[in-house]
Every structure is written in structure tokens, then in C-alpha cells.
Amino acid sequence: MELVGRWWNGDRNNSTRRDIWLHRDPDAGWFVRARAGDKDRDVTWPAFHEEWAARAWVDRLMAASTGGRSIWRDLTKVVRKPPEGGWRSTA
């Protein structure tokens, strides 16, 4: 399974920390996994068939969290290897 996206709410306190991962499995589809606080509180949703649907779910999770979307930090480039050819500039 390939890590496609990784977000964190910026909170280091283990009881209020939130993490979200987006994974892609070429055979099974797209998976969204979220953690609230401790490691034993992980939730993984059934596979999404389309990337846009999985990303929409990620967006809903961020929007529903305390503080909303603006508090989330995109850690994708920090935790995964760059794609072949490097990262594309968005500027």
C-alpha cells in the first residue's frame, strides 16, 4: 500500500492530537485512516473506488475537527519519498 497523503492537527498532546493518512492500494482502491489521540484509536474506512471520494472524506474529517480545516498541516512531503522526477512546484 502506498502512502499518498498525511495530515496532522499540529497538537502534540496525545489526548487531543489527530492524524489522517490517505493510502492507495492498486488492487483495492483508496483508504482513509484517522487516529484520535492514542494509537489504539485508529479508524480505517472501507476502500473508496475513486481518489476524489477519498480526498473528500479527508476534507470532511478536517472540517469536522475542533478548529476546522485551517489547523491541519500537510506532512505528505515530510513522510514520503518524492515521486520519480521529484516534487512538482505549485508556485
PDB file of N, CA and C in Angstrom:
ATOM      1  N   MET A   1       0.850  -1.172   0.000  1.00  0.00           N
ATOM      2  CA  MET A   1       0.000   0.000   0.000  1.00  0.00           C
ATOM      3  C   MET A   1       0.899   1.239   0.000  1.00  0.00           C
ATOM      4  N   GLU A   2       0.558   2.198  -0.820  1.00  0.00           N
ATOM      5  CA  GLU A   2       1.352   3.419  -0.977  1.00  0.00           C
ATOM      6  C   GLU A   2       0.734   4.574  -0.184  1.00  0.00           C
ATOM      7  N   LEU A   3       1.567   5.286   0.560  1.00  0.00           N
ATOM      8  CA  LEU A   3       1.123   6.485   1.263  1.00  0.00           C
ATOM      9  C   LEU A   3       1.008   7.620   0.250  1.00  0.00           C
ATOM     10  N   VAL A   4      -0.157   8.237   0.178  1.00  0.00           N
ATOM     11  CA  VAL A   4      -0.403   9.317  -0.772  1.00  0.00           C
ATOM     12  C   VAL A   4      -0.483  10.662  -0.059  1.00  0.00           C
ATOM     13  N   GLY A   5      -1.064  10.687   1.138  1.00  0.00           N
ATOM     14  CA  GLY A   5      -1.206  11.935   1.879  1.00  0.00           C
ATOM     15  C   GLY A   5      -1.149  11.700   3.372  1.00  0.00           C
ATOM     16  N   ARG A   6      -0.690  12.737   4.091  1.00  0.00           N
ATOM     17  CA  ARG A   6      -0.546  12.638   5.555  1.00  0.00           C
ATOM     18  C   ARG A   6      -0.788  14.011   6.146  1.00  0.00           C
ATOM     19  N   TRP A   7      -1.710  14.110   7.116  1.00  0.00           N
ATOM     20  CA  TRP A   7      -2.028  15.373   7.752  1.00  0.00           C
ATOM     21  C   TRP A   7      -2.044  15.212   9.263  1.00  0.00           C
ATOM     22  N   TRP A   8      -1.750  16.315   9.965  1.00  0.00           N
ATOM     23  CA  TRP A   8      -1.690  16.338  11.426  1.00  0.00           C
ATOM     24  C   TRP A   8      -2.308  17.640  11.898  1.00  0.00           C
ATOM     25  N   ASN A   9      -3.024  17.601  13.010  1.00  0.00           N
ATOM     26  CA  ASN A   9      -3.682  18.813  13.508  1.00  0.00           C
ATOM     27  C   ASN A   9      -2.737  19.742  14.269  1.00  0.00           C
ATOM     28  N   GLY A  10      -1.469  19.407  14.355  1.00  0.00           N
ATOM     29  CA  GLY A  10      -0.486  20.290  14.980  1.00  0.00           C
ATOM     30  C   GLY A  10      -0.434  20.212  16.491  1.00  0.00           C
ATOM     31  N   ASP A  11      -1.212  19.345  17.090  1.00  0.00           N
ATOM     32  CA  ASP A  11      -1.278  19.230  18.539  1.00  0.00           C
ATOM     33  C   ASP A  11      -0.394  18.079  19.014  1.00  0.00           C
ATOM     34  N   ARG A  12       0.545  18.368  19.885  1.00  0.00           N
ATOM     35  CA  ARG A  12       1.447  17.344  20.394  1.00  0.00           C
ATOM     36  C   ARG A  12       0.881  16.608  21.614  1.00  0.00           C
ATOM     37  N   ASN A  13      -0.195  17.117  22.179  1.00  0.00           N
ATOM     38  CA  ASN A  13      -0.827  16.477  23.330  1.00  0.00           C
ATOM     39  C   ASN A  13      -1.494  15.188  22.867  1.00  0.00           C
ATOM     40  N   ASN A  14      -1.108  14.073  23.457  1.00  0.00           N
ATOM     41  CA  ASN A  14      -1.584  12.772  22.989  1.00  0.00           C
ATOM     42  C   ASN A  14      -3.099  12.608  23.061  1.00  0.00           C
ATOM     43  N   SER A  15      -3.760  13.306  23.957  1.00  0.00           N
ATOM     44  CA  SER A  15      -5.216  13.148  24.072  1.00  0.00           C
ATOM     45  C   SER A  15      -5.987  13.972  23.042  1.00  0.00           C
ATOM     46  N   THR A  16      -5.370  15.008  22.489  1.00  0.00           N
ATOM     47  CA  THR A  16      -6.077  15.869  21.515  1.00  0.00           C
ATOM     48  C   THR A  16      -5.444  15.845  20.125  1.00  0.00           C
ATOM     49  N   ARG A  17      -4.358  15.132  19.985  1.00  0.00           N
ATOM     50  CA  ARG A  17      -3.697  15.001  18.680  1.00  0.00           C
ATOM     51  C   ARG A  17      -4.600  14.247  17.707  1.00  0.00           C
ATOM     52  N   ARG A  18      -4.590  14.660  16.438  1.00  0.00           N
ATOM     53  CA  ARG A  18      -5.342  13.985  15.389  1.00  0.00           C
ATOM     54  C   ARG A  18      -4.425  13.799  14.183  1.00  0.00           C
ATOM     55  N   ASP A  19      -4.520  12.645  13.532  1.00  0.00           N
ATOM     56  CA  ASP A  19      -3.732  12.327  12.354  1.00  0.00           C
ATOM     57  C   ASP A  19      -4.645  11.715  11.301  1.00  0.00           C
ATOM     58  N   ILE A  20      -4.353  12.010  10.032  1.00  0.00           N
ATOM     59  CA  ILE A  20      -5.102  11.432   8.915  1.00  0.00           C
ATOM     60  C   ILE A  20      -4.100  10.980   7.858  1.00  0.00           C
ATOM     61  N   TRP A  21      -4.326   9.787   7.320  1.00  0.00           N
ATOM     62  CA  TRP A  21      -3.497   9.249   6.242  1.00  0.00           C
ATOM     63  C   TRP A  21      -4.382   8.886   5.062  1.00  0.00           C
ATOM     64  N   LEU A  22      -3.854   9.059   3.872  1.00  0.00           N
ATOM     65  CA  LEU A  22      -4.520   8.612   2.651  1.00  0.00           C
ATOM     66  C   LEU A  22      -3.583   7.613   1.979  1.00  0.00           C
ATOM     67  N   HIS A  23      -4.081   6.394   1.778  1.00  0.00           N
ATOM     68  CA  HIS A  23      -3.297   5.318   1.171  1.00  0.00           C
ATOM     69  C   HIS A  23      -3.959   4.862  -0.117  1.00  0.00           C
ATOM     70  N   ARG A  24      -3.134   4.358  -1.018  1.00  0.00           N
ATOM     71  CA  ARG A  24      -3.643   3.787  -2.264  1.00  0.00           C
ATOM     72  C   ARG A  24      -3.129   2.363  -2.393  1.00  0.00           C
ATOM     73  N   ASP A  25      -4.051   1.473  -2.646  1.00  0.00           N
ATOM     74  CA  ASP A  25      -3.721   0.089  -2.930  1.00  0.00           C
ATOM     75  C   ASP A  25      -4.157  -0.161  -4.374  1.00  0.00           C
ATOM     76  N   PRO A  26      -3.213  -0.469  -5.276  1.00  0.00           N
ATOM     77  CA  PRO A  26      -3.575  -0.633  -6.694  1.00  0.00           C
ATOM     78  C   PRO A  26      -4.672  -1.668  -6.928  1.00  0.00           C
ATOM     79  N   ASP A  27      -4.788  -2.655  -6.040  1.00  0.00           N
ATOM     80  CA  ASP A  27      -5.791  -3.705  -6.221  1.00  0.00           C
ATOM     81  C   ASP A  27      -7.112  -3.410  -5.511  1.00  0.00           C
ATOM     82  N   ALA A  28      -7.058  -2.663  -4.413  1.00  0.00           N
ATOM     83  CA  ALA A  28      -8.252  -2.487  -3.587  1.00  0.00           C
ATOM     84  C   ALA A  28      -8.854  -1.089  -3.626  1.00  0.00           C
ATOM     85  N   GLY A  29      -8.090  -0.076  -3.979  1.00  0.00           N
ATOM     86  CA  GLY A  29      -8.617   1.290  -4.032  1.00  0.00           C
ATOM     87  C   GLY A  29      -7.930   2.224  -3.050  1.00  0.00           C
ATOM     88  N   TRP A  30      -8.657   3.219  -2.606  1.00  0.00           N
ATOM     89  CA  TRP A  30      -8.141   4.287  -1.743  1.00  0.00           C
ATOM     90  C   TRP A  30      -8.658   4.086  -0.328  1.00  0.00           C
ATOM     91  N   PHE A  31      -7.768   4.252   0.655  1.00  0.00           N
ATOM     92  CA  PHE A  31      -8.125   4.073   2.053  1.00  0.00           C
ATOM     93  C   PHE A  31      -7.816   5.349   2.828  1.00  0.00           C
ATOM     94  N   VAL A  32      -8.726   5.732   3.715  1.00  0.00           N
ATOM     95  CA  VAL A  32      -8.516   6.852   4.630  1.00  0.00           C
ATOM     96  C   VAL A  32      -8.429   6.259   6.025  1.00  0.00           C
ATOM     97  N   ARG A  33      -7.360   6.632   6.733  1.00  0.00           N
ATOM     98  CA  ARG A  33      -7.167   6.176   8.108  1.00  0.00           C
ATOM     99  C   ARG A  33      -7.016   7.408   8.978  1.00  0.00           C
ATOM    100  N   ALA A  34      -7.650   7.409  10.126  1.00  0.00           N
ATOM    101  CA  ALA A  34      -7.558   8.537  11.049  1.00  0.00           C
ATOM    102  C   ALA A  34      -7.279   8.025  12.449  1.00  0.00           C
ATOM    103  N   ARG A  35      -6.535   8.835  13.195  1.00  0.00           N
ATOM    104  CA  ARG A  35      -6.227   8.499  14.583  1.00  0.00           C
ATOM    105  C   ARG A  35      -6.576   9.688  15.459  1.00  0.00           C
ATOM    106  N   ALA A  36      -7.268   9.406  16.540  1.00  0.00           N
ATOM    107  CA  ALA A  36      -7.587  10.424  17.537  1.00  0.00           C
ATOM    108  C   ALA A  36      -6.835  10.065  18.805  1.00  0.00           C
ATOM    109  N   GLY A  37      -5.799  10.823  19.109  1.00  0.00           N
ATOM    110  CA  GLY A  37      -5.041  10.580  20.332  1.00  0.00           C
ATOM    111  C   GLY A  37      -4.193   9.336  20.278  1.00  0.00           C
ATOM    112  N   ASP A  38      -4.439   8.418  21.181  1.00  0.00           N
ATOM    113  CA  ASP A  38      -3.619   7.220  21.318  1.00  0.00           C
ATOM    114  C   ASP A  38      -3.724   6.301  20.113  1.00  0.00           C
ATOM    115  N   LYS A  39      -2.704   5.476  19.942  1.00  0.00           N
ATOM    116  CA  LYS A  39      -2.622   4.575  18.791  1.00  0.00           C
ATOM    117  C   LYS A  39      -3.792   3.599  18.698  1.00  0.00           C
ATOM    118  N   ASP A  40      -4.373   3.215  19.809  1.00  0.00           N
ATOM    119  CA  ASP A  40      -5.452   2.228  19.762  1.00  0.00           C
ATOM    120  C   ASP A  40      -6.786   2.839  19.329  1.00  0.00           C
ATOM    121  N   ARG A  41      -6.774   4.076  18.898  1.00  0.00           N
ATOM    122  CA  ARG A  41      -8.000   4.736  18.472  1.00  0.00           C
ATOM    123  C   ARG A  41      -7.982   5.022  16.969  1.00  0.00           C
ATOM    124  N   ASP A  42      -7.331   4.165  16.203  1.00  0.00           N
ATOM    125  CA  ASP A  42      -7.305   4.286  14.744  1.00  0.00           C
ATOM    126  C   ASP A  42      -8.630   3.822  14.148  1.00  0.00           C
ATOM    127  N   VAL A  43      -9.041   4.491  13.075  1.00  0.00           N
ATOM    128  CA  VAL A  43     -10.212   4.080  12.309  1.00  0.00           C
ATOM    129  C   VAL A  43      -9.815   4.088  10.844  1.00  0.00           C
ATOM    130  N   THR A  44     -10.128   3.016  10.125  1.00  0.00           N
ATOM    131  CA  THR A  44      -9.891   2.953   8.681  1.00  0.00           C
ATOM    132  C   THR A  44     -11.238   2.714   8.011  1.00  0.00           C
ATOM    133  N   TRP A  45     -11.568   3.560   7.041  1.00  0.00           N
ATOM    134  CA  TRP A  45     -12.824   3.424   6.320  1.00  0.00           C
ATOM    135  C   TRP A  45     -12.644   2.444   5.171  1.00  0.00           C
ATOM    136  N   PRO A  46     -13.723   1.753   4.781  1.00  0.00           N
ATOM    137  CA  PRO A  46     -13.641   0.838   3.637  1.00  0.00           C
ATOM    138  C   PRO A  46     -13.120   1.565   2.404  1.00  0.00           C
ATOM    139  N   ALA A  47     -12.581   0.810   1.496  1.00  0.00           N
ATOM    140  CA  ALA A  47     -11.932   1.385   0.310  1.00  0.00           C
ATOM    141  C   ALA A  47     -12.881   2.262  -0.493  1.00  0.00           C
ATOM    142  N   PHE A  48     -12.345   3.378  -0.954  1.00  0.00           N
ATOM    143  CA  PHE A  48     -13.042   4.253  -1.895  1.00  0.00           C
ATOM    144  C   PHE A  48     -12.563   3.853  -3.288  1.00  0.00           C
ATOM    145  N   HIS A  49     -13.457   3.877  -4.244  1.00  0.00           N
ATOM    146  CA  HIS A  49     -13.079   3.483  -5.608  1.00  0.00           C
ATOM    147  C   HIS A  49     -12.366   4.596  -6.361  1.00  0.00           C
ATOM    148  N   GLU A  50     -12.616   5.838  -5.981  1.00  0.00           N
ATOM    149  CA  GLU A  50     -12.042   6.998  -6.671  1.00  0.00           C
ATOM    150  C   GLU A  50     -11.239   7.859  -5.699  1.00  0.00           C
ATOM    151  N   GLU A  51     -10.151   8.433  -6.198  1.00  0.00           N
ATOM    152  CA  GLU A  51      -9.316   9.297  -5.354  1.00  0.00           C
ATOM    153  C   GLU A  51     -10.093  10.502  -4.852  1.00  0.00           C
ATOM    154  N   TRP A  52     -10.905  11.116  -5.725  1.00  0.00           N
ATOM    155  CA  TRP A  52     -11.640  12.319  -5.314  1.00  0.00           C
ATOM    156  C   TRP A  52     -12.560  12.030  -4.129  1.00  0.00           C
ATOM    157  N   ALA A  53     -13.158  10.841  -4.084  1.00  0.00           N
ATOM    158  CA  ALA A  53     -14.054  10.485  -2.984  1.00  0.00           C
ATOM    159  C   ALA A  53     -13.278  10.333  -1.677  1.00  0.00           C
ATOM    160  N   ALA A  54     -12.108   9.723  -1.751  1.00  0.00           N
ATOM    161  CA  ALA A  54     -11.273   9.565  -0.553  1.00  0.00           C
ATOM    162  C   ALA A  54     -10.795  10.929  -0.057  1.00  0.00           C
ATOM    163  N   ARG A  55     -10.387  11.796  -0.981  1.00  0.00           N
ATOM    164  CA  ARG A  55      -9.937  13.137  -0.578  1.00  0.00           C
ATOM    165  C   ARG A  55     -11.089  13.972  -0.019  1.00  0.00           C
ATOM    166  N   ALA A  56     -12.277  13.781  -0.542  1.00  0.00           N
ATOM    167  CA  ALA A  56     -13.449  14.476   0.001  1.00  0.00           C
ATOM    168  C   ALA A  56     -13.711  14.036   1.438  1.00  0.00           C
ATOM    169  N   TRP A  57     -13.500  12.742   1.720  1.00  0.00           N
ATOM    170  CA  TRP A  57     -13.669  12.249   3.088  1.00  0.00           C
ATOM    171  C   TRP A  57     -12.615  12.858   4.018  1.00  0.00           C
ATOM    172  N   VAL A  58     -11.374  12.942   3.538  1.00  0.00           N
ATOM    173  CA  VAL A  58     -10.312  13.597   4.314  1.00  0.00           C
ATOM    174  C   VAL A  58     -10.728  15.029   4.634  1.00  0.00           C
ATOM    175  N   ASP A  59     -11.234  15.732   3.649  1.00  0.00           N
ATOM    176  CA  ASP A  59     -11.667  17.123   3.837  1.00  0.00           C
ATOM    177  C   ASP A  59     -12.791  17.213   4.874  1.00  0.00           C
ATOM    178  N   ARG A  60     -13.724  16.278   4.823  1.00  0.00           N
ATOM    179  CA  ARG A  60     -14.828  16.271   5.802  1.00  0.00           C
ATOM    180  C   ARG A  60     -14.301  16.047   7.218  1.00  0.00           C
ATOM    181  N   LEU A  61     -13.333  15.145   7.351  1.00  0.00           N
ATOM    182  CA  LEU A  61     -12.749  14.899   8.675  1.00  0.00           C
ATOM    183  C   LEU A  61     -12.072  16.157   9.212  1.00  0.00           C
ATOM    184  N   MET A  62     -11.336  16.841   8.356  1.00  0.00           N
ATOM    185  CA  MET A  62     -10.659  18.076   8.779  1.00  0.00           C
ATOM    186  C   MET A  62     -11.674  19.149   9.159  1.00  0.00           C
ATOM    187  N   ALA A  63     -12.691  19.318   8.336  1.00  0.00           N
ATOM    188  CA  ALA A  63     -13.698  20.356   8.581  1.00  0.00           C
ATOM    189  C   ALA A  63     -14.466  20.099   9.877  1.00  0.00           C
ATOM    190  N   ALA A  64     -14.684  18.839  10.211  1.00  0.00           N
ATOM    191  CA  ALA A  64     -15.458  18.492  11.399  1.00  0.00           C
ATOM    192  C   ALA A  64     -14.639  18.553  12.691  1.00  0.00           C
ATOM    193  N   SER A  65     -13.333  18.671  12.563  1.00  0.00           N
ATOM    194  CA  SER A  65     -12.485  18.676  13.756  1.00  0.00           C
ATOM    195  C   SER A  65     -12.541  20.026  14.463  1.00  0.00           C
ATOM    196  N   THR A  66     -12.209  20.016  15.742  1.00  0.00           N
ATOM    197  CA  THR A  66     -12.118  21.259  16.504  1.00  0.00           C
ATOM    198  C   THR A  66     -11.068  22.147  15.854  1.00  0.00           C
ATOM    199  N   GLY A  67     -11.430  23.344  15.497  1.00  0.00           N
ATOM    200  CA  GLY A  67     -10.508  24.263  14.830  1.00  0.00           C
ATOM    201  C   GLY A  67     -10.667  24.275  13.318  1.00  0.00           C
ATOM    202  N   GLY A  68     -11.351  23.283  12.766  1.00  0.00           N
ATOM    203  CA  GLY A  68     -11.624  23.253  11.330  1.00  0.00           C
ATOM    204  C   GLY A  68     -10.400  22.981  10.473  1.00  0.00           C
ATOM    205  N   ARG A  69     -10.565  23.179   9.177  1.00  0.00           N
ATOM    206  CA  ARG A  69      -9.508  22.869   8.199  1.00  0.00           C
ATOM    207  C   ARG A  69      -8.218  23.649   8.418  1.00  0.00           C
ATOM    208  N   SER A  70      -8.328  24.866   8.886  1.00  0.00           N
ATOM    209  CA  SER A  70      -7.161  25.759   8.932  1.00  0.00           C
ATOM    210  C   SER A  70      -6.054  25.280   9.870  1.00  0.00           C
ATOM    211  N   ILE A  71      -6.361  24.436  10.837  1.00  0.00           N
ATOM    212  CA  ILE A  71      -5.330  23.996  11.783  1.00  0.00           C
ATOM    213  C   ILE A  71      -4.494  22.836  11.255  1.00  0.00           C
ATOM    214  N   TRP A  72      -4.965  22.172  10.200  1.00  0.00           N
ATOM    215  CA  TRP A  72      -4.297  20.968   9.708  1.00  0.00           C
ATOM    216  C   TRP A  72      -3.028  21.295   8.936  1.00  0.00           C
ATOM    217  N   ARG A  73      -2.004  20.496   9.156  1.00  0.00           N
ATOM    218  CA  ARG A  73      -0.719  20.645   8.468  1.00  0.00           C
ATOM    219  C   ARG A  73      -0.513  19.456   7.542  1.00  0.00           C
ATOM    220  N   ASP A  74      -0.147  19.758   6.312  1.00  0.00           N
ATOM    221  CA  ASP A  74       0.113  18.707   5.332  1.00  0.00           C
ATOM    222  C   ASP A  74       1.550  18.239   5.508  1.00  0.00           C
ATOM    223  N   LEU A  75       1.722  17.002   5.959  1.00  0.00           N
ATOM    224  CA  LEU A  75       3.052  16.438   6.192  1.00  0.00           C
ATOM    225  C   LEU A  75       3.466  15.464   5.089  1.00  0.00           C
ATOM    226  N   THR A  76       2.731  15.427   4.013  1.00  0.00           N
ATOM    227  CA  THR A  76       2.963  14.436   2.961  1.00  0.00           C
ATOM    228  C   THR A  76       4.403  14.438   2.473  1.00  0.00           C
ATOM    229  N   LYS A  77       4.944  15.591   2.154  1.00  0.00           N
ATOM    230  CA  LYS A  77       6.314  15.655   1.618  1.00  0.00           C
ATOM    231  C   LYS A  77       7.364  15.317   2.669  1.00  0.00           C
ATOM    232  N   VAL A  78       6.995  15.430   3.925  1.00  0.00           N
ATOM    233  CA  VAL A  78       7.937  15.139   5.007  1.00  0.00           C
ATOM    234  C   VAL A  78       8.056  13.639   5.231  1.00  0.00           C
ATOM    235  N   VAL A  79       6.976  12.903   5.042  1.00  0.00           N
ATOM    236  CA  VAL A  79       6.956  11.497   5.429  1.00  0.00           C
ATOM    237  C   VAL A  79       7.007  10.499   4.276  1.00  0.00           C
ATOM    238  N   ARG A  80       6.940  10.967   3.050  1.00  0.00           N
ATOM    239  CA  ARG A  80       7.005  10.002   1.955  1.00  0.00           C
ATOM    240  C   ARG A  80       8.108  10.360   0.978  1.00  0.00           C
ATOM    241  N   LYS A  81       8.592   9.358   0.264  1.00  0.00           N
ATOM    242  CA  LYS A  81       9.644   9.592  -0.718  1.00  0.00           C
ATOM    243  C   LYS A  81       9.068  10.393  -1.883  1.00  0.00           C
ATOM    244  N   PRO A  82       9.874  11.282  -2.477  1.00  0.00           N
ATOM    245  CA  PRO A  82       9.364  12.046  -3.617  1.00  0.00           C
ATOM    246  C   PRO A  82       9.068  11.120  -4.792  1.00  0.00           C
ATOM    247  N   PRO A  83       8.057  11.463  -5.587  1.00  0.00           N
ATOM    248  CA  PRO A  83       7.778  10.643  -6.759  1.00  0.00           C
ATOM    249  C   PRO A  83       8.942  10.706  -7.739  1.00  0.00           C
ATOM    250  N   GLU A  84       9.004   9.728  -8.615  1.00  0.00           N
ATOM    251  CA  GLU A  84      10.058   9.727  -9.626  1.00  0.00           C
ATOM    252  C   GLU A  84       9.984  11.034 -10.403  1.00  0.00           C
ATOM    253  N   GLY A  85      11.097  11.727 -10.535  1.00  0.00           N
ATOM    254  CA  GLY A  85      11.119  13.023 -11.207  1.00  0.00           C
ATOM    255  C   GLY A  85      11.015  14.190 -10.239  1.00  0.00           C
ATOM    256  N   GLY A  86      10.797  13.900  -8.933  1.00  0.00           N
ATOM    257  CA  GLY A  86      10.755  14.957  -7.913  1.00  0.00           C
ATOM    258  C   GLY A  86       9.363  15.529  -7.716  1.00  0.00           C
ATOM    259  N   TRP A  87       9.282  16.444  -6.765  1.00  0.00           N
ATOM    260  CA  TRP A  87       8.010  17.122  -6.448  1.00  0.00           C
ATOM    261  C   TRP A  87       7.769  18.225  -7.467  1.00  0.00           C
ATOM    262  N   ARG A  88       6.537  18.377  -7.871  1.00  0.00           N
ATOM    263  CA  ARG A  88       6.166  19.484  -8.769  1.00  0.00           C
ATOM    264  C   ARG A  88       5.984  20.745  -7.964  1.00  0.00           C
ATOM    265  N   SER A  89       6.435  21.846  -8.514  1.00  0.00           N
ATOM    266  CA  SER A  89       6.259  23.128  -7.840  1.00  0.00           C
ATOM    267  C   SER A  89       4.837  23.619  -8.079  1.00  0.00           C
ATOM    268  N   THR A  90       4.210  24.147  -7.009  1.00  0.00           N
ATOM    269  CA  THR A  90       2.870  24.698  -7.146  1.00  0.00           C
ATOM    270  C   THR A  90       2.903  26.210  -7.230  1.00  0.00           C
ATOM    271  N   ALA A  91       4.096  26.776  -7.182  1.00  0.00           N
ATOM    272  CA  ALA A  91       4.228  28.246  -7.228  1.00  0.00           C
ATOM    273  C   ALA A  91       4.337  28.732  -8.658  1.00  0.00           C
TER     274      ALA A  91
END
